[in-house]
Amino acid sequence: MVEEKVTISKLPYRNLTKVIDLITFERTILSLFTNDKNEYFLLYLYDVLSEYDEYFFWKVNLLDLYSFLYKRVSLKELILIDTKEFVFIIYSDYHIIEDFSDSDSYLRVEQILLGDILDDCLPKSDSFWAYSIPKPLISVLEKFSRENYLETLRENSIYFIVEPSDSRFLNTVSTLDITGFLTNLTSSYLAFVEYDFSEKFSGIFNDTESYDNSVTLLKSTMLPRVSDTKFGSFEVGLSVDFQYPLIQENDEMVAWQKTAIDVYKEKVLDLNYESPVEINEILESYPLNVRQRIFNPIYNISTNPRYTVKSTNRLKTKFENLPVIAKETKKIITQNDNDELFELEHEIQRELTNVILSLPKGGSIGDLNKRAFLKSILAVTKSEISESKYSEPFDYRTKHFNFITPLPISIAVRGLANVLFCDILGIEVNSTDNHELYRNFHKEIYEYYVTRVMNNPRSPEAKMFYIYIDVSDIAEL
């Protein structure tokens, strides 16, 4: 009746005991179990055969159970809720399952993905709870009532005050400005949590589809919720529902989910955007496309001339202005440009005295010895690099540029890439692959020579070069 099942030796849970039979009709149809970790599980009888009964068994969080018992989702929806990837199938020979202390309670156990469950095995679409809340569950579910749920959100909220710049309207803000503020904030936050989630948890997924499904769930589950507002001005509390775990069995992910909005505030909203150290941390922490998605919206908020924004901590003890991101800082963060006011950490300063191109006859630059490649670029003094040192052992023909005045170059790390730049020549290259980095830097210097020196030997730039070379003597770069 079902497909793609995997037999396992036993259930991966221990010390399971029955809390209550929820539905009985001649036989027990649906039962609730718990364990010594205060986790909850449902056992659903979906088929009765001549030799055995077949059950679905799965772990359920209290929010989903609450939604079922308060008639918000059907039993069919409860089984298929995608906070889990699979359910278990238990085969029992008419034994009334009261606990799972050992495998005597069932004949065998199989595991099946949600997508492989045939519709014939599921309850009907209108299988909503039709009874009152069972007494043993009233106190358990109380914290998921509307009042307690909202209070939980408020306790974990970040509060914002948006104030208009135009005093004509007192402290009221236009709906367009509020919409823009919330849209930008949400866009930045989701970009942050998606990247943070990927960095921390992408390795636990066995395939791309499972990961993509979790990211889709993340974007809906972790949307900021409006937990509190104030009339007469625009004060709003934003929180994230962490009671709906992305993957129930992963405690680390549940803990991450609970603190995600606080980490976002710390690493994005509370930064000192005038500090080179903190700007460097941004450059090293995120690739360019992620920085653009996280920080462009915050720049739009902080530089909007029609309003200012203040934010506070959970205790609401103090409001502080959201830091303004200067245009130059935004350019460094989101366009990967270098600014001398922000010296990159781990930057290595070198002097470029010459560039040696050692190429085998008929070969290409890809055949160049990697060590020679690196040494030729990172020469500290002219005497450290000599033509014979690298060309003779490999029988390479060699041409090189010499510079009358050594050129300062810098090597640094930005996000995931290494960066090599020479301000005097206006050259900057970046790559995650060092071989490609040096190759591209060679190419940029060669192109600079051809366009700025060879075609105009009397130009100021030409005075930097000690030896001129013929283009025809250089293998294709």
Foldseek 3Di string as FASTA:
>chain_A
DWDDKAFDAADPDAAKFWDDQQDDDVHRAKTWIAHPVRWIKMWGFQDDDPFWTKIKMDTAFLLLVLCQQVQNAAQQCSQLVPLEFKIKIFTARPQDDGGPNDCVRTDTMIIDGSVGGDPSRGDDRNRGDDDHDDPVCCVVNVCVPPVNQLVVQLLAWKKKFKAFPDCVLPGADDPVLVVLLLVLQQQLLLLVVLVVCCVPPVVVDPDPVVVVVLNVVCSVQFGWDFSDADPPHGMTITGGDLSSFSHVVDPVSSVCSSCSVVVLCVLAQPDDLLDLVSLLVLQAAADQVSLCRNCVSVQCQQPPNTIWMWIDGSVPPDTDTGDHHDPVSSCCRRVVDDDPVRDHPPKDKAWQFKAKQWAAVVGDSVPDDPVVLVCRGRPRDPVSDDPCVRRVVVVTDMDMWGFPDTFIWMWHDTHQWIKIDTVVLPDIDIDNDVSVRSVVVVVSVVVSCVPPPPVPVPDPVVNGTDDDDDPVVDDDD
